[in-house]
Amino acid sequence: MEAYSEFAGVYDLFMDNVPYEAWRDYIVEILKSHNITDGIVLDLGCGTGKMTRLLAQAGYDMIGVDASEEMLAVAMEHKSLDSSILYLNQDMRAFELYGTVKAVISVCDSINYITKEEDLLAVFRLVNNYLDPGGIFLFDLNTLYKYREILGETTICENREEGSFIWENYYDEEEQINEYDMTFFIREEDGRYRRYKETHYQRGYSIETVQTLLEQAGLEFVACYKEQTTLPPEECDERIYMIARECTKHKGA
């Protein structure tokens, strides 16, 4: 959970291939299918606020929570695009809101950064606590298949005029922990390149484990889908979406 410090300033540069608009459209479609067409939505692990801003443009009143001050500083640079967004510098394992929300979303495998089951249960319990009666929790996950078969023991490199990066990946199948060392070389104004390095840790979870933890947290498991579909996931899927619902509060209480 200590990642995204030096990396924050160049995160959007190297994530420009992420289909945020398509993800936004998919999220809005799911929310609307559960009669959530407006109101307050929490973006948990919002990072630089790209999805937070897109959902605000779709008509939702957005709150963004992230543990990285540096990532939120980048988000705040875009505050003029939507001044109504509330950003909170909080760890998702212990976040606090001023009231309940209609929905909680979490994308870009933010949930995978929770590497202990007890911590993930704590996150789910907080989500349940802050959801309106019948509210929806929608989040994505990198799959065990992706960590084991796609990332594994690989090295990924990318070179651009503005900078380059080296991603060295290591996956511990027994612990289901994925570690990746990221080294960046970013071009400065004087033409020289500055070197940054960070190590990130994520954990892969089975669908069954996540479903059990959701139910232990008091949430109702609704569905698990292949990425950007409403179809059941398959063994070779690299990313899945999971949906849970608040089911214990009484309307009007």
C-alpha atoms as a PDB file:
ATOM      1  CA  MET A   1       0.000   0.000   0.000  1.00  0.00           C
ATOM      2  CA  GLU A   2       3.048   2.293   0.012  1.00  0.00           C
ATOM      3  CA  ALA A   3       3.328   2.372  -3.788  1.00  0.00           C
ATOM      4  CA  TYR A   4       2.685   5.274  -6.135  1.00  0.00           C
ATOM      5  CA  SER A   5       4.950   7.942  -4.733  1.00  0.00           C
ATOM      6  CA  GLU A   6       7.570   8.831  -7.356  1.00  0.00           C
ATOM      7  CA  PHE A   7       5.483   6.954  -9.942  1.00  0.00           C
ATOM      8  CA  ALA A   8       2.467   9.222  -9.412  1.00  0.00           C
ATOM      9  CA  GLY A   9       3.798  12.037 -11.575  1.00  0.00           C
ATOM     10  CA  VAL A  10       4.176   9.822 -14.644  1.00  0.00           C
ATOM     11  CA  TYR A  11       1.318   7.373 -14.008  1.00  0.00           C
ATOM     12  CA  ASP A  12      -1.053   8.870 -16.579  1.00  0.00           C
ATOM     13  CA  LEU A  13       1.734   9.098 -19.155  1.00  0.00           C
ATOM     14  CA  PHE A  14       2.259   5.338 -19.186  1.00  0.00           C
ATOM     15  CA  MET A  15      -1.405   4.415 -18.627  1.00  0.00           C
ATOM     16  CA  ASP A  16      -2.672   6.196 -21.731  1.00  0.00           C
ATOM     17  CA  ASN A  17      -3.521   2.827 -23.325  1.00  0.00           C
ATOM     18  CA  VAL A  18      -6.077   2.005 -20.606  1.00  0.00           C
ATOM     19  CA  PRO A  19      -9.618   2.200 -22.076  1.00  0.00           C
ATOM     20  CA  TYR A  20     -10.997   4.407 -19.303  1.00  0.00           C
ATOM     21  CA  GLU A  21     -13.937   5.674 -21.360  1.00  0.00           C
ATOM     22  CA  ALA A  22     -15.020   2.119 -22.228  1.00  0.00           C
ATOM     23  CA  TRP A  23     -14.669   1.122 -18.567  1.00  0.00           C
ATOM     24  CA  ARG A  24     -16.732   4.165 -17.570  1.00  0.00           C
ATOM     25  CA  ASP A  25     -19.482   3.231 -20.014  1.00  0.00           C
ATOM     26  CA  TYR A  26     -19.520  -0.333 -18.663  1.00  0.00           C
ATOM     27  CA  ILE A  27     -19.664   0.863 -15.047  1.00  0.00           C
ATOM     28  CA  VAL A  28     -22.507   3.274 -15.827  1.00  0.00           C
ATOM     29  CA  GLU A  29     -24.399   0.491 -17.616  1.00  0.00           C
ATOM     30  CA  ILE A  30     -24.063  -1.779 -14.564  1.00  0.00           C
ATOM     31  CA  LEU A  31     -25.053   0.982 -12.144  1.00  0.00           C
ATOM     32  CA  LYS A  32     -28.096   1.918 -14.222  1.00  0.00           C
ATOM     33  CA  SER A  33     -29.129  -1.735 -14.374  1.00  0.00           C
ATOM     34  CA  HIS A  34     -29.384  -1.491 -10.580  1.00  0.00           C
ATOM     35  CA  ASN A  35     -31.369   1.782 -10.788  1.00  0.00           C
ATOM     36  CA  ILE A  36     -28.418   3.958  -9.798  1.00  0.00           C
ATOM     37  CA  THR A  37     -28.627   6.814 -12.277  1.00  0.00           C
ATOM     38  CA  ASP A  38     -27.355   9.643 -10.079  1.00  0.00           C
ATOM     39  CA  GLY A  39     -26.358  10.407  -6.494  1.00  0.00           C
ATOM     40  CA  ILE A  40     -23.124   9.944  -4.571  1.00  0.00           C
ATOM     41  CA  VAL A  41     -20.632   7.329  -5.760  1.00  0.00           C
ATOM     42  CA  LEU A  42     -17.321   6.499  -4.084  1.00  0.00           C
ATOM     43  CA  ASP A  43     -14.269   5.693  -6.216  1.00  0.00           C
ATOM     44  CA  LEU A  44     -12.115   3.567  -3.917  1.00  0.00           C
ATOM     45  CA  GLY A  45      -8.432   3.678  -4.856  1.00  0.00           C
ATOM     46  CA  CYS A  46      -9.080   6.553  -7.243  1.00  0.00           C
ATOM     47  CA  GLY A  47      -5.429   7.292  -8.029  1.00  0.00           C
ATOM     48  CA  THR A  48      -5.074  10.348 -10.248  1.00  0.00           C
ATOM     49  CA  GLY A  49      -8.857  10.611 -10.526  1.00  0.00           C
ATOM     50  CA  LYS A  50      -9.273   9.707 -14.188  1.00  0.00           C
ATOM     51  CA  MET A  51     -12.280   7.432 -13.609  1.00  0.00           C
ATOM     52  CA  THR A  52     -13.589   9.729 -10.868  1.00  0.00           C
ATOM     53  CA  ARG A  53     -13.786  12.612 -13.339  1.00  0.00           C
ATOM     54  CA  LEU A  54     -15.363  10.472 -16.063  1.00  0.00           C
ATOM     55  CA  LEU A  55     -18.100   9.307 -13.695  1.00  0.00           C
ATOM     56  CA  ALA A  56     -18.660  12.895 -12.575  1.00  0.00           C
ATOM     57  CA  GLN A  57     -19.167  13.801 -16.236  1.00  0.00           C
ATOM     58  CA  ALA A  58     -21.739  10.980 -16.408  1.00  0.00           C
ATOM     59  CA  GLY A  59     -23.801  12.745 -13.752  1.00  0.00           C
ATOM     60  CA  TYR A  60     -22.680  11.190 -10.473  1.00  0.00           C
ATOM     61  CA  ASP A  61     -21.576  13.117  -7.376  1.00  0.00           C
ATOM     62  CA  MET A  62     -18.119  11.704  -6.877  1.00  0.00           C
ATOM     63  CA  ILE A  63     -15.887  11.058  -3.888  1.00  0.00           C
ATOM     64  CA  GLY A  64     -12.376   9.760  -4.517  1.00  0.00           C
ATOM     65  CA  VAL A  65     -10.364   7.952  -1.851  1.00  0.00           C
ATOM     66  CA  ASP A  66      -6.702   7.052  -2.212  1.00  0.00           C
ATOM     67  CA  ALA A  67      -3.809   6.369   0.166  1.00  0.00           C
ATOM     68  CA  SER A  68      -1.223   8.104  -2.026  1.00  0.00           C
ATOM     69  CA  GLU A  69      -0.826  11.820  -1.409  1.00  0.00           C
ATOM     70  CA  GLU A  70       1.175  12.057  -4.611  1.00  0.00           C
ATOM     71  CA  MET A  71      -1.562  10.472  -6.739  1.00  0.00           C
ATOM     72  CA  LEU A  72      -4.190  12.757  -5.216  1.00  0.00           C
ATOM     73  CA  ALA A  73      -1.960  15.766  -5.865  1.00  0.00           C
ATOM     74  CA  VAL A  74      -2.119  14.889  -9.567  1.00  0.00           C
ATOM     75  CA  ALA A  75      -5.900  14.479  -9.285  1.00  0.00           C
ATOM     76  CA  MET A  76      -6.168  17.930  -7.703  1.00  0.00           C
ATOM     77  CA  GLU A  77      -4.328  19.452 -10.659  1.00  0.00           C
ATOM     78  CA  HIS A  78      -7.448  18.601 -12.675  1.00  0.00           C
ATOM     79  CA  LYS A  79      -9.815  20.057 -10.078  1.00  0.00           C
ATOM     80  CA  SER A  80     -10.849  22.812 -12.464  1.00  0.00           C
ATOM     81  CA  LEU A  81     -12.431  20.157 -14.708  1.00  0.00           C
ATOM     82  CA  ASP A  82     -14.898  19.262 -11.951  1.00  0.00           C
ATOM     83  CA  SER A  83     -14.692  21.232  -8.734  1.00  0.00           C
ATOM     84  CA  SER A  84     -17.509  19.205  -7.158  1.00  0.00           C
ATOM     85  CA  ILE A  85     -15.355  16.097  -6.627  1.00  0.00           C
ATOM     86  CA  LEU A  86     -14.292  15.456  -3.038  1.00  0.00           C
ATOM     87  CA  TYR A  87     -10.887  13.784  -2.732  1.00  0.00           C
ATOM     88  CA  LEU A  88      -9.881  12.133   0.551  1.00  0.00           C
ATOM     89  CA  ASN A  89      -6.357  10.962   1.379  1.00  0.00           C
ATOM     90  CA  GLN A  90      -7.222   7.739   3.201  1.00  0.00           C
ATOM     91  CA  ASP A  91      -6.193   4.098   3.261  1.00  0.00           C
ATOM     92  CA  MET A  92      -9.046   2.002   1.877  1.00  0.00           C
ATOM     93  CA  ARG A  93      -8.592  -0.385   4.801  1.00  0.00           C
ATOM     94  CA  ALA A  94      -9.669   2.362   7.197  1.00  0.00           C
ATOM     95  CA  PHE A  95     -11.535   4.983   5.175  1.00  0.00           C
ATOM     96  CA  GLU A  96     -14.188   7.250   6.711  1.00  0.00           C
ATOM     97  CA  LEU A  97     -16.992   9.103   4.945  1.00  0.00           C
ATOM     98  CA  TYR A  98     -19.434  11.770   6.096  1.00  0.00           C
ATOM     99  CA  GLY A  99     -22.450   9.647   5.156  1.00  0.00           C
ATOM    100  CA  THR A 100     -23.566   6.792   2.961  1.00  0.00           C
ATOM    101  CA  VAL A 101     -23.289   6.491  -0.824  1.00  0.00           C
ATOM    102  CA  LYS A 102     -25.390   4.862  -3.515  1.00  0.00           C
ATOM    103  CA  ALA A 103     -22.483   2.883  -4.939  1.00  0.00           C
ATOM    104  CA  VAL A 104     -18.815   2.111  -4.443  1.00  0.00           C
ATOM    105  CA  ILE A 105     -16.604   1.333  -7.411  1.00  0.00           C
ATOM    106  CA  SER A 106     -12.958   0.284  -7.539  1.00  0.00           C
ATOM    107  CA  VAL A 107     -11.074  -0.253 -10.805  1.00  0.00           C
ATOM    108  CA  CYS A 108      -7.563  -0.725 -12.198  1.00  0.00           C
ATOM    109  CA  ASP A 109      -7.008  -3.722  -9.872  1.00  0.00           C
ATOM    110  CA  SER A 110      -6.902  -1.488  -6.794  1.00  0.00           C
ATOM    111  CA  ILE A 111      -8.403  -4.317  -4.732  1.00  0.00           C
ATOM    112  CA  ASN A 112      -5.475  -6.576  -5.674  1.00  0.00           C
ATOM    113  CA  TYR A 113      -3.211  -4.250  -3.669  1.00  0.00           C
ATOM    114  CA  ILE A 114      -4.876  -5.583  -0.521  1.00  0.00           C
ATOM    115  CA  THR A 115      -2.585  -8.555   0.070  1.00  0.00           C
ATOM    116  CA  LYS A 116      -4.058  -9.994   3.293  1.00  0.00           C
ATOM    117  CA  GLU A 117      -7.480 -11.602   3.563  1.00  0.00           C
ATOM    118  CA  GLU A 118      -8.172  -9.951   6.922  1.00  0.00           C
ATOM    119  CA  ASP A 119      -7.467  -6.549   5.371  1.00  0.00           C
ATOM    120  CA  LEU A 120      -9.706  -7.306   2.403  1.00  0.00           C
ATOM    121  CA  LEU A 121     -12.475  -8.284   4.808  1.00  0.00           C
ATOM    122  CA  ALA A 122     -11.972  -4.953   6.589  1.00  0.00           C
ATOM    123  CA  VAL A 123     -12.355  -3.103   3.270  1.00  0.00           C
ATOM    124  CA  PHE A 124     -15.548  -5.005   2.459  1.00  0.00           C
ATOM    125  CA  ARG A 125     -17.000  -4.298   5.901  1.00  0.00           C
ATOM    126  CA  LEU A 126     -16.362  -0.580   5.473  1.00  0.00           C
ATOM    127  CA  VAL A 127     -17.938  -0.644   2.019  1.00  0.00           C
ATOM    128  CA  ASN A 128     -20.991  -2.353   3.498  1.00  0.00           C
ATOM    129  CA  ASN A 129     -21.140   0.207   6.297  1.00  0.00           C
ATOM    130  CA  TYR A 130     -21.110   3.197   3.947  1.00  0.00           C
ATOM    131  CA  LEU A 131     -23.497   1.886   1.293  1.00  0.00           C
ATOM    132  CA  ASP A 132     -27.097   3.079   1.155  1.00  0.00           C
ATOM    133  CA  PRO A 133     -29.722   0.359   1.674  1.00  0.00           C
ATOM    134  CA  GLY A 134     -29.502  -1.803  -1.431  1.00  0.00           C
ATOM    135  CA  GLY A 135     -26.395   0.050  -2.626  1.00  0.00           C
ATOM    136  CA  ILE A 136     -24.002  -1.578  -5.102  1.00  0.00           C
ATOM    137  CA  PHE A 137     -20.300  -2.399  -4.857  1.00  0.00           C
ATOM    138  CA  LEU A 138     -18.629  -2.912  -8.246  1.00  0.00           C
ATOM    139  CA  PHE A 139     -14.928  -3.710  -8.544  1.00  0.00           C
ATOM    140  CA  ASP A 140     -12.452  -5.404 -10.835  1.00  0.00           C
ATOM    141  CA  LEU A 141      -9.682  -7.874 -10.098  1.00  0.00           C
ATOM    142  CA  ASN A 142      -6.655  -9.206 -11.898  1.00  0.00           C
ATOM    143  CA  THR A 143      -7.087 -12.964 -11.954  1.00  0.00           C
ATOM    144  CA  LEU A 144      -4.859 -15.747 -10.711  1.00  0.00           C
ATOM    145  CA  TYR A 145      -4.529 -16.814 -14.347  1.00  0.00           C
ATOM    146  CA  LYS A 146      -3.089 -13.423 -15.295  1.00  0.00           C
ATOM    147  CA  TYR A 147      -0.519 -13.465 -12.515  1.00  0.00           C
ATOM    148  CA  ARG A 148       0.462 -17.078 -13.137  1.00  0.00           C
ATOM    149  CA  GLU A 149       0.351 -17.352 -16.923  1.00  0.00           C
ATOM    150  CA  ILE A 150       0.665 -13.815 -18.340  1.00  0.00           C
ATOM    151  CA  LEU A 151       2.868 -11.884 -15.911  1.00  0.00           C
ATOM    152  CA  GLY A 152       4.733 -14.694 -14.137  1.00  0.00           C
ATOM    153  CA  GLU A 153       8.501 -14.243 -14.326  1.00  0.00           C
ATOM    154  CA  THR A 154       8.553 -11.666 -17.094  1.00  0.00           C
ATOM    155  CA  THR A 155      10.241  -8.391 -17.946  1.00  0.00           C
ATOM    156  CA  ILE A 156       8.298  -5.699 -19.809  1.00  0.00           C
ATOM    157  CA  CYS A 157       9.925  -2.647 -21.360  1.00  0.00           C
ATOM    158  CA  GLU A 158       8.568   0.405 -23.102  1.00  0.00           C
ATOM    159  CA  ASN A 159      10.500   3.270 -24.639  1.00  0.00           C
ATOM    160  CA  ARG A 160       9.055   6.681 -25.545  1.00  0.00           C
ATOM    161  CA  GLU A 161      10.440  10.103 -26.278  1.00  0.00           C
ATOM    162  CA  GLU A 162       9.168  11.394 -22.912  1.00  0.00           C
ATOM    163  CA  GLY A 163      10.598   8.459 -21.016  1.00  0.00           C
ATOM    164  CA  SER A 164      10.881   4.715 -20.670  1.00  0.00           C
ATOM    165  CA  PHE A 165      10.221   2.032 -18.094  1.00  0.00           C
ATOM    166  CA  ILE A 166      11.320  -1.479 -17.186  1.00  0.00           C
ATOM    167  CA  TRP A 167       8.820  -3.748 -15.389  1.00  0.00           C
ATOM    168  CA  GLU A 168      10.418  -6.811 -13.749  1.00  0.00           C
ATOM    169  CA  ASN A 169       7.749  -9.214 -12.517  1.00  0.00           C
ATOM    170  CA  TYR A 170       7.923 -12.048  -9.981  1.00  0.00           C
ATOM    171  CA  TYR A 171       4.998 -14.237  -8.969  1.00  0.00           C
ATOM    172  CA  ASP A 172       4.941 -16.442  -5.873  1.00  0.00           C
ATOM    173  CA  GLU A 173       2.274 -19.020  -6.680  1.00  0.00           C
ATOM    174  CA  GLU A 174       2.241 -20.498  -3.194  1.00  0.00           C
ATOM    175  CA  GLU A 175       1.558 -17.135  -1.535  1.00  0.00           C
ATOM    176  CA  GLN A 176      -0.334 -15.819  -4.586  1.00  0.00           C
ATOM    177  CA  ILE A 177       1.692 -12.606  -4.305  1.00  0.00           C
ATOM    178  CA  ASN A 178       2.743 -10.726  -7.428  1.00  0.00           C
ATOM    179  CA  GLU A 179       5.753  -8.435  -7.016  1.00  0.00           C
ATOM    180  CA  TYR A 180       6.902  -6.061  -9.691  1.00  0.00           C
ATOM    181  CA  ASP A 181       9.844  -3.688  -9.693  1.00  0.00           C
ATOM    182  CA  MET A 182       9.271  -0.659 -11.893  1.00  0.00           C
ATOM    183  CA  THR A 183      12.169   1.511 -13.032  1.00  0.00           C
ATOM    184  CA  PHE A 184      11.398   4.733 -14.910  1.00  0.00           C
ATOM    185  CA  PHE A 185      13.644   7.050 -16.852  1.00  0.00           C
ATOM    186  CA  ILE A 186      11.792  10.348 -17.314  1.00  0.00           C
ATOM    187  CA  ARG A 187      13.003  13.185 -19.488  1.00  0.00           C
ATOM    188  CA  GLU A 188      13.499  16.440 -17.576  1.00  0.00           C
ATOM    189  CA  GLU A 189      13.200  19.953 -19.032  1.00  0.00           C
ATOM    190  CA  ASP A 190      16.957  20.193 -19.534  1.00  0.00           C
ATOM    191  CA  GLY A 191      16.937  17.021 -21.647  1.00  0.00           C
ATOM    192  CA  ARG A 192      18.483  14.786 -19.025  1.00  0.00           C
ATOM    193  CA  TYR A 193      16.680  11.702 -17.743  1.00  0.00           C
ATOM    194  CA  ARG A 194      15.786  11.154 -14.111  1.00  0.00           C
ATOM    195  CA  ARG A 195      15.565   7.604 -12.744  1.00  0.00           C
ATOM    196  CA  TYR A 196      12.718   6.466 -10.469  1.00  0.00           C
ATOM    197  CA  LYS A 197      12.193   3.026  -8.949  1.00  0.00           C
ATOM    198  CA  GLU A 198       9.282   1.525  -7.042  1.00  0.00           C
ATOM    199  CA  THR A 199       8.261  -1.961  -5.961  1.00  0.00           C
ATOM    200  CA  HIS A 200       4.597  -2.913  -5.986  1.00  0.00           C
ATOM    201  CA  TYR A 201       2.839  -5.921  -4.471  1.00  0.00           C
ATOM    202  CA  GLN A 202      -0.507  -7.375  -5.438  1.00  0.00           C
ATOM    203  CA  ARG A 203      -2.327 -10.551  -4.527  1.00  0.00           C
ATOM    204  CA  GLY A 204      -4.455 -12.804  -6.649  1.00  0.00           C
ATOM    205  CA  TYR A 205      -7.689 -14.111  -5.168  1.00  0.00           C
ATOM    206  CA  SER A 206     -10.008 -16.871  -6.278  1.00  0.00           C
ATOM    207  CA  ILE A 207     -13.614 -15.932  -6.970  1.00  0.00           C
ATOM    208  CA  GLU A 208     -14.678 -18.270  -4.173  1.00  0.00           C
ATOM    209  CA  THR A 209     -12.443 -16.528  -1.628  1.00  0.00           C
ATOM    210  CA  VAL A 210     -13.690 -13.076  -2.586  1.00  0.00           C
ATOM    211  CA  GLN A 211     -17.317 -14.226  -2.501  1.00  0.00           C
ATOM    212  CA  THR A 212     -16.835 -15.697   0.978  1.00  0.00           C
ATOM    213  CA  LEU A 213     -15.239 -12.486   2.271  1.00  0.00           C
ATOM    214  CA  LEU A 214     -18.013 -10.354   0.770  1.00  0.00           C
ATOM    215  CA  GLU A 215     -20.638 -12.456   2.525  1.00  0.00           C
ATOM    216  CA  GLN A 216     -18.704 -12.384   5.805  1.00  0.00           C
ATOM    217  CA  ALA A 217     -18.746  -8.595   5.526  1.00  0.00           C
ATOM    218  CA  GLY A 218     -22.535  -8.646   5.304  1.00  0.00           C
ATOM    219  CA  LEU A 219     -22.760  -8.001   1.567  1.00  0.00           C
ATOM    220  CA  GLU A 220     -24.827 -10.042  -0.841  1.00  0.00           C
ATOM    221  CA  PHE A 221     -22.799 -11.483  -3.714  1.00  0.00           C
ATOM    222  CA  VAL A 222     -24.642 -10.613  -6.942  1.00  0.00           C
ATOM    223  CA  ALA A 223     -22.493 -11.604  -9.913  1.00  0.00           C
ATOM    224  CA  CYS A 224     -19.048 -12.116 -11.396  1.00  0.00           C
ATOM    225  CA  TYR A 225     -18.494 -11.165 -15.036  1.00  0.00           C
ATOM    226  CA  LYS A 226     -15.919 -11.353 -17.752  1.00  0.00           C
ATOM    227  CA  GLU A 227     -14.377  -7.944 -18.372  1.00  0.00           C
ATOM    228  CA  GLN A 228     -16.886  -5.501 -19.895  1.00  0.00           C
ATOM    229  CA  THR A 229     -19.586  -8.162 -20.335  1.00  0.00           C
ATOM    230  CA  THR A 230     -22.387  -9.747 -18.346  1.00  0.00           C
ATOM    231  CA  LEU A 231     -21.098 -13.219 -19.168  1.00  0.00           C
ATOM    232  CA  PRO A 232     -19.668 -15.631 -16.592  1.00  0.00           C
ATOM    233  CA  PRO A 233     -15.851 -15.614 -16.372  1.00  0.00           C
ATOM    234  CA  GLU A 234     -13.672 -18.273 -17.972  1.00  0.00           C
ATOM    235  CA  GLU A 235     -10.422 -19.845 -16.850  1.00  0.00           C
ATOM    236  CA  CYS A 236      -8.263 -17.740 -19.203  1.00  0.00           C
ATOM    237  CA  ASP A 237      -9.746 -14.345 -18.316  1.00  0.00           C
ATOM    238  CA  GLU A 238      -7.183 -11.810 -17.138  1.00  0.00           C
ATOM    239  CA  ARG A 239      -9.609  -9.380 -15.491  1.00  0.00           C
ATOM    240  CA  ILE A 240     -13.017  -9.922 -13.940  1.00  0.00           C
ATOM    241  CA  TYR A 241     -15.686  -7.681 -12.450  1.00  0.00           C
ATOM    242  CA  MET A 242     -17.543  -8.540  -9.268  1.00  0.00           C
ATOM    243  CA  ILE A 243     -20.786  -7.042  -7.974  1.00  0.00           C
ATOM    244  CA  ALA A 244     -22.126  -7.127  -4.421  1.00  0.00           C
ATOM    245  CA  ARG A 245     -25.120  -5.464  -2.776  1.00  0.00           C
ATOM    246  CA  GLU A 246     -25.848  -4.012   0.634  1.00  0.00           C
ATOM    247  CA  CYS A 247     -28.635  -6.153   2.066  1.00  0.00           C
ATOM    248  CA  THR A 248     -28.863  -5.600   5.817  1.00  0.00           C
ATOM    249  CA  LYS A 249     -30.064  -2.007   6.274  1.00  0.00           C
ATOM    250  CA  HIS A 250     -33.739  -1.169   6.395  1.00  0.00           C
ATOM    251  CA  LYS A 251     -34.953   1.489   4.003  1.00  0.00           C
ATOM    252  CA  GLY A 252     -35.916   4.629   5.849  1.00  0.00           C
ATOM    253  CA  ALA A 253     -34.002   3.643   8.985  1.00  0.00           C
END
